[in-house]
């Protein structure tokens, strides 16, 4: 039941969200241990920037701190590629906890969505 609800939310979100060159998609994936974020141009099928909490810079931080720092880091990498506006794809996850912290960190870093 829980997985079915997740998949329904994921399909509903992806039906409405599509990344383009002007506004690429900021996609979030959450595993049991790590958090991943990618900025994707769906028209070309290309990942423009990505960040993972597996990276060395994320050691010795708690999960919400890692998520917030990941948001700021993805914003910094996006700015380096001259990306300012994105569409947020929460991938079926509820908008709270790590997903919200990542989104707030990305906004703090300068991304608009």
N, C-alpha and C. Protein backbone atom coordinates (compact mmCIF):
# COMPACT_ATOMS: atom_id res chain seq x y z
N UNK A 1 0.82 -1.19 0.00
CA UNK A 1 0.00 0.00 0.00
C UNK A 1 0.86 1.26 0.00
N UNK A 2 1.91 1.26 0.84
CA UNK A 2 2.76 2.43 0.94
C UNK A 2 3.49 2.69 -0.38
N UNK A 3 4.00 1.61 -0.98
CA UNK A 3 4.71 1.75 -2.25
C UNK A 3 3.77 2.19 -3.37
N UNK A 4 2.54 1.68 -3.34
CA UNK A 4 1.55 2.07 -4.34
C UNK A 4 1.24 3.56 -4.26
N UNK A 5 1.08 4.07 -3.04
CA UNK A 5 0.82 5.50 -2.86
C UNK A 5 2.00 6.33 -3.36
N UNK A 6 3.22 5.87 -3.08
CA UNK A 6 4.42 6.55 -3.55
C UNK A 6 4.42 6.62 -5.08
N UNK A 7 4.14 5.48 -5.72
CA UNK A 7 4.16 5.44 -7.18
C UNK A 7 3.07 6.32 -7.79
N UNK A 8 1.90 6.37 -7.15
CA UNK A 8 0.83 7.25 -7.63
C UNK A 8 1.27 8.71 -7.57
N UNK A 9 1.89 9.10 -6.44
CA UNK A 9 2.37 10.48 -6.30
C UNK A 9 3.45 10.78 -7.34
N UNK A 10 4.35 9.81 -7.56
CA UNK A 10 5.44 10.01 -8.51
C UNK A 10 4.90 10.22 -9.93
N UNK A 11 3.95 9.40 -10.33
CA UNK A 11 3.36 9.52 -11.66
C UNK A 11 2.61 10.84 -11.80
N UNK A 12 1.88 11.23 -10.75
CA UNK A 12 1.12 12.48 -10.79
C UNK A 12 2.05 13.68 -10.92
N UNK A 13 3.17 13.66 -10.20
CA UNK A 13 4.12 14.77 -10.26
C UNK A 13 4.78 14.83 -11.63
N UNK A 14 5.23 13.68 -12.14
CA UNK A 14 5.95 13.67 -13.42
C UNK A 14 5.04 14.00 -14.61
N UNK A 15 3.74 13.80 -14.46
CA UNK A 15 2.81 14.15 -15.53
C UNK A 15 2.75 15.66 -15.71
N UNK A 16 3.01 16.40 -14.64
CA UNK A 16 2.91 17.86 -14.67
C UNK A 16 4.24 18.56 -14.83
N UNK A 17 5.34 17.88 -14.52
CA UNK A 17 6.66 18.51 -14.47
C UNK A 17 7.52 18.03 -15.61
N UNK A 18 8.03 18.97 -16.40
CA UNK A 18 8.97 18.62 -17.46
C UNK A 18 10.03 19.70 -17.54
N UNK A 19 11.27 19.27 -17.62
CA UNK A 19 12.38 20.22 -17.70
C UNK A 19 12.67 20.60 -19.14
N UNK A 20 13.08 21.84 -19.33
CA UNK A 20 13.46 22.32 -20.66
C UNK A 20 14.81 23.01 -20.54
N UNK A 21 15.29 23.55 -21.65
CA UNK A 21 16.57 24.25 -21.61
C UNK A 21 16.46 25.51 -20.76
N UNK A 22 15.31 26.21 -20.85
CA UNK A 22 15.12 27.44 -20.09
C UNK A 22 14.89 27.15 -18.61
N UNK A 23 14.11 26.10 -18.31
CA UNK A 23 13.81 25.71 -16.92
C UNK A 23 14.00 24.21 -16.77
N UNK A 24 15.24 23.77 -16.50
CA UNK A 24 15.46 22.34 -16.33
C UNK A 24 14.81 21.83 -15.04
N UNK A 25 14.73 20.51 -14.91
CA UNK A 25 14.07 19.87 -13.79
C UNK A 25 15.08 19.53 -12.70
N UNK A 26 14.79 19.93 -11.47
CA UNK A 26 15.60 19.56 -10.31
C UNK A 26 14.95 18.34 -9.68
N UNK A 27 15.55 17.17 -9.91
CA UNK A 27 14.98 15.91 -9.46
C UNK A 27 15.68 15.44 -8.19
N UNK A 28 14.89 14.90 -7.25
CA UNK A 28 15.41 14.43 -5.97
C UNK A 28 15.19 12.92 -5.87
N UNK A 29 16.23 12.21 -5.39
CA UNK A 29 16.09 10.79 -5.08
C UNK A 29 16.63 10.57 -3.68
N UNK A 30 15.86 9.84 -2.90
CA UNK A 30 16.24 9.59 -1.51
C UNK A 30 16.35 8.08 -1.30
N UNK A 31 17.54 7.62 -0.94
CA UNK A 31 17.68 6.21 -0.58
C UNK A 31 17.69 6.12 0.94
N UNK A 32 17.90 4.93 1.48
CA UNK A 32 17.93 4.79 2.93
C UNK A 32 19.11 5.51 3.56
N UNK A 33 20.22 5.62 2.83
CA UNK A 33 21.43 6.23 3.39
C UNK A 33 21.74 7.61 2.82
N UNK A 34 21.46 7.81 1.56
CA UNK A 34 21.95 9.00 0.88
C UNK A 34 20.82 9.77 0.19
N UNK A 35 21.15 11.00 -0.20
CA UNK A 35 20.23 11.86 -0.92
C UNK A 35 20.94 12.31 -2.20
N UNK A 36 20.22 12.29 -3.30
CA UNK A 36 20.79 12.67 -4.59
C UNK A 36 19.91 13.74 -5.22
N UNK A 37 20.53 14.67 -5.93
CA UNK A 37 19.78 15.69 -6.66
C UNK A 37 20.45 15.89 -8.02
N UNK A 38 19.63 16.02 -9.05
CA UNK A 38 20.14 16.25 -10.40
C UNK A 38 19.34 17.37 -11.06
N UNK A 39 20.00 18.12 -11.90
CA UNK A 39 19.31 19.09 -12.75
C UNK A 39 19.35 18.50 -14.15
N UNK A 40 18.14 18.28 -14.71
CA UNK A 40 18.00 17.52 -15.95
C UNK A 40 17.28 18.34 -17.01
N UNK A 41 17.80 18.32 -18.24
CA UNK A 41 17.11 18.86 -19.41
C UNK A 41 16.40 17.69 -20.06
N UNK A 42 15.07 17.60 -19.90
CA UNK A 42 14.31 16.46 -20.40
C UNK A 42 14.21 16.44 -21.92
N UNK A 43 14.30 17.58 -22.56
CA UNK A 43 14.19 17.60 -24.02
C UNK A 43 15.38 16.92 -24.68
N UNK A 44 16.57 17.08 -24.11
CA UNK A 44 17.77 16.41 -24.63
C UNK A 44 18.06 15.11 -23.89
N UNK A 45 17.49 14.95 -22.68
CA UNK A 45 17.77 13.77 -21.87
C UNK A 45 19.17 13.82 -21.27
N UNK A 46 19.58 15.01 -20.81
CA UNK A 46 20.93 15.22 -20.33
C UNK A 46 20.90 15.74 -18.89
N UNK A 47 21.79 15.20 -18.06
CA UNK A 47 21.97 15.72 -16.71
C UNK A 47 22.95 16.87 -16.78
N UNK A 48 22.53 18.04 -16.31
CA UNK A 48 23.36 19.24 -16.39
C UNK A 48 24.24 19.42 -15.15
N UNK A 49 23.72 19.05 -13.98
CA UNK A 49 24.47 19.15 -12.74
C UNK A 49 23.91 18.13 -11.77
N UNK A 50 24.77 17.64 -10.88
CA UNK A 50 24.29 16.68 -9.89
C UNK A 50 25.08 16.82 -8.60
N UNK A 51 24.47 16.33 -7.53
CA UNK A 51 25.11 16.33 -6.22
C UNK A 51 24.61 15.10 -5.46
N UNK A 52 25.48 14.55 -4.61
CA UNK A 52 25.13 13.38 -3.81
C UNK A 52 25.71 13.55 -2.42
N UNK A 53 24.99 13.08 -1.42
CA UNK A 53 25.52 13.16 -0.06
C UNK A 53 26.58 12.11 0.20
N UNK A 54 26.92 11.30 -0.81
CA UNK A 54 28.04 10.36 -0.71
C UNK A 54 29.38 11.08 -0.76
N UNK A 55 29.37 12.30 -1.31
CA UNK A 55 30.62 13.04 -1.52
C UNK A 55 31.30 13.35 -0.19
N UNK A 56 32.59 13.56 -0.25
CA UNK A 56 33.42 13.78 0.94
C UNK A 56 33.00 15.01 1.73
N UNK A 57 32.51 16.04 1.07
CA UNK A 57 32.14 17.29 1.75
C UNK A 57 30.97 17.11 2.71
N UNK A 58 30.24 16.01 2.61
CA UNK A 58 29.05 15.80 3.42
C UNK A 58 29.30 14.98 4.68
N UNK A 59 30.54 14.54 4.88
CA UNK A 59 30.86 13.76 6.07
C UNK A 59 30.62 14.58 7.33
N UNK A 60 30.32 13.91 8.43
CA UNK A 60 30.17 14.53 9.76
C UNK A 60 29.05 15.57 9.82
N UNK A 61 27.99 15.35 9.09
CA UNK A 61 26.80 16.21 9.17
C UNK A 61 25.59 15.34 9.42
N UNK A 62 24.59 15.88 10.04
CA UNK A 62 23.34 15.15 10.26
C UNK A 62 22.50 15.21 8.98
N UNK A 63 21.45 14.40 8.89
CA UNK A 63 20.73 14.23 7.63
C UNK A 63 20.10 15.52 7.13
N UNK A 64 19.47 16.32 7.98
CA UNK A 64 18.86 17.57 7.51
C UNK A 64 19.93 18.59 7.12
N UNK A 65 21.05 18.59 7.84
CA UNK A 65 22.16 19.49 7.46
C UNK A 65 22.72 19.08 6.11
N UNK A 66 22.85 17.77 5.89
CA UNK A 66 23.35 17.27 4.60
C UNK A 66 22.42 17.70 3.47
N UNK A 67 21.10 17.57 3.71
CA UNK A 67 20.11 17.91 2.68
C UNK A 67 20.18 19.40 2.35
N UNK A 68 20.27 20.23 3.37
CA UNK A 68 20.34 21.68 3.15
C UNK A 68 21.62 22.05 2.40
N UNK A 69 22.73 21.45 2.81
CA UNK A 69 24.01 21.71 2.16
C UNK A 69 23.99 21.20 0.71
N UNK A 70 23.31 20.07 0.47
CA UNK A 70 23.19 19.55 -0.89
C UNK A 70 22.41 20.52 -1.77
N UNK A 71 21.37 21.14 -1.21
CA UNK A 71 20.60 22.14 -1.96
C UNK A 71 21.46 23.34 -2.32
N UNK A 72 22.24 23.81 -1.36
CA UNK A 72 23.12 24.95 -1.64
C UNK A 72 24.18 24.57 -2.67
N UNK A 73 24.69 23.35 -2.58
CA UNK A 73 25.74 22.88 -3.50
C UNK A 73 25.19 22.73 -4.92
N UNK A 74 23.98 22.19 -5.07
CA UNK A 74 23.40 22.04 -6.41
C UNK A 74 23.11 23.41 -7.00
N UNK A 75 22.73 24.37 -6.16
CA UNK A 75 22.49 25.73 -6.64
C UNK A 75 23.80 26.35 -7.13
N UNK A 76 24.87 26.10 -6.41
CA UNK A 76 26.18 26.64 -6.81
C UNK A 76 26.63 26.03 -8.13
N UNK A 77 26.43 24.73 -8.28
CA UNK A 77 26.82 24.05 -9.53
C UNK A 77 25.94 24.49 -10.69
N UNK A 78 24.68 24.78 -10.40
CA UNK A 78 23.76 25.27 -11.45
C UNK A 78 24.16 26.67 -11.88
N UNK A 79 24.53 27.52 -10.93
CA UNK A 79 24.95 28.89 -11.27
C UNK A 79 26.20 28.87 -12.14
N UNK A 80 27.08 27.90 -11.90
CA UNK A 80 28.29 27.78 -12.73
C UNK A 80 27.92 27.46 -14.17
N UNK A 81 26.79 26.81 -14.39
CA UNK A 81 26.30 26.50 -15.75
C UNK A 81 25.27 27.51 -16.22
N UNK A 82 25.13 28.63 -15.50
CA UNK A 82 24.23 29.73 -15.84
C UNK A 82 22.76 29.29 -15.81
N UNK A 83 22.40 28.47 -14.83
CA UNK A 83 21.02 28.06 -14.63
C UNK A 83 20.50 28.78 -13.40
N UNK A 84 19.40 29.53 -13.57
CA UNK A 84 18.84 30.28 -12.45
C UNK A 84 17.46 29.77 -12.05
N UNK A 85 16.66 29.34 -13.04
CA UNK A 85 15.30 28.88 -12.77
C UNK A 85 15.19 27.39 -13.07
N UNK A 86 14.54 26.66 -12.17
CA UNK A 86 14.32 25.24 -12.36
C UNK A 86 12.88 24.88 -11.99
N UNK A 87 12.48 23.68 -12.36
CA UNK A 87 11.20 23.10 -11.96
C UNK A 87 11.53 22.02 -10.94
N UNK A 88 10.89 22.05 -9.77
CA UNK A 88 11.22 21.10 -8.70
C UNK A 88 10.41 19.82 -8.86
N UNK A 89 11.11 18.69 -8.93
CA UNK A 89 10.49 17.37 -9.03
C UNK A 89 10.81 16.59 -7.77
N UNK A 90 9.83 16.47 -6.88
CA UNK A 90 10.06 15.79 -5.61
C UNK A 90 9.97 14.27 -5.73
N UNK A 91 9.71 13.77 -6.92
CA UNK A 91 9.74 12.34 -7.24
C UNK A 91 8.82 11.49 -6.39
N UNK A 92 7.69 11.99 -5.99
CA UNK A 92 6.74 11.19 -5.23
C UNK A 92 6.94 11.25 -3.73
N UNK A 93 8.05 11.88 -3.29
CA UNK A 93 8.27 12.02 -1.85
C UNK A 93 7.41 13.15 -1.32
N UNK A 94 7.03 13.06 -0.06
CA UNK A 94 6.28 14.14 0.55
C UNK A 94 7.20 15.32 0.75
N UNK A 95 6.64 16.51 0.69
CA UNK A 95 7.44 17.73 0.81
C UNK A 95 7.64 18.06 2.29
N UNK A 96 8.52 17.32 2.94
CA UNK A 96 8.91 17.60 4.32
C UNK A 96 10.24 16.89 4.58
N UNK A 97 10.86 17.20 5.68
CA UNK A 97 12.11 16.54 6.03
C UNK A 97 13.23 16.89 5.09
N UNK A 98 13.93 15.86 4.62
CA UNK A 98 15.10 16.07 3.77
C UNK A 98 14.75 16.73 2.44
N UNK A 99 13.62 16.38 1.86
CA UNK A 99 13.23 16.96 0.57
C UNK A 99 13.00 18.46 0.72
N UNK A 100 12.31 18.85 1.79
CA UNK A 100 12.07 20.27 2.03
C UNK A 100 13.37 21.00 2.34
N UNK A 101 14.26 20.37 3.12
CA UNK A 101 15.54 20.98 3.46
C UNK A 101 16.38 21.20 2.21
N UNK A 102 16.36 20.23 1.28
CA UNK A 102 17.10 20.38 0.03
C UNK A 102 16.52 21.53 -0.79
N UNK A 103 15.19 21.62 -0.88
CA UNK A 103 14.55 22.70 -1.64
C UNK A 103 14.87 24.06 -1.02
N UNK A 104 14.80 24.16 0.31
CA UNK A 104 15.12 25.43 0.98
C UNK A 104 16.57 25.81 0.77
N UNK A 105 17.47 24.81 0.82
CA UNK A 105 18.88 25.08 0.58
C UNK A 105 19.14 25.56 -0.85
N UNK A 106 18.42 24.98 -1.81
CA UNK A 106 18.58 25.40 -3.21
C UNK A 106 18.07 26.83 -3.40
N UNK A 107 16.96 27.16 -2.73
CA UNK A 107 16.45 28.55 -2.80
C UNK A 107 17.44 29.51 -2.16
N UNK A 108 17.99 29.10 -1.03
CA UNK A 108 18.98 29.93 -0.33
C UNK A 108 20.22 30.14 -1.21
N UNK A 109 20.57 29.11 -2.01
CA UNK A 109 21.70 29.20 -2.90
C UNK A 109 21.44 30.04 -4.14
N UNK A 110 20.17 30.41 -4.39
CA UNK A 110 19.88 31.30 -5.49
C UNK A 110 19.03 30.72 -6.60
N UNK A 111 18.62 29.46 -6.51
CA UNK A 111 17.74 28.90 -7.54
C UNK A 111 16.32 29.36 -7.34
N UNK A 112 15.61 29.57 -8.43
CA UNK A 112 14.20 29.99 -8.36
C UNK A 112 13.31 28.86 -8.86
N UNK A 113 12.31 28.52 -8.05
CA UNK A 113 11.29 27.55 -8.46
C UNK A 113 10.05 27.69 -7.62
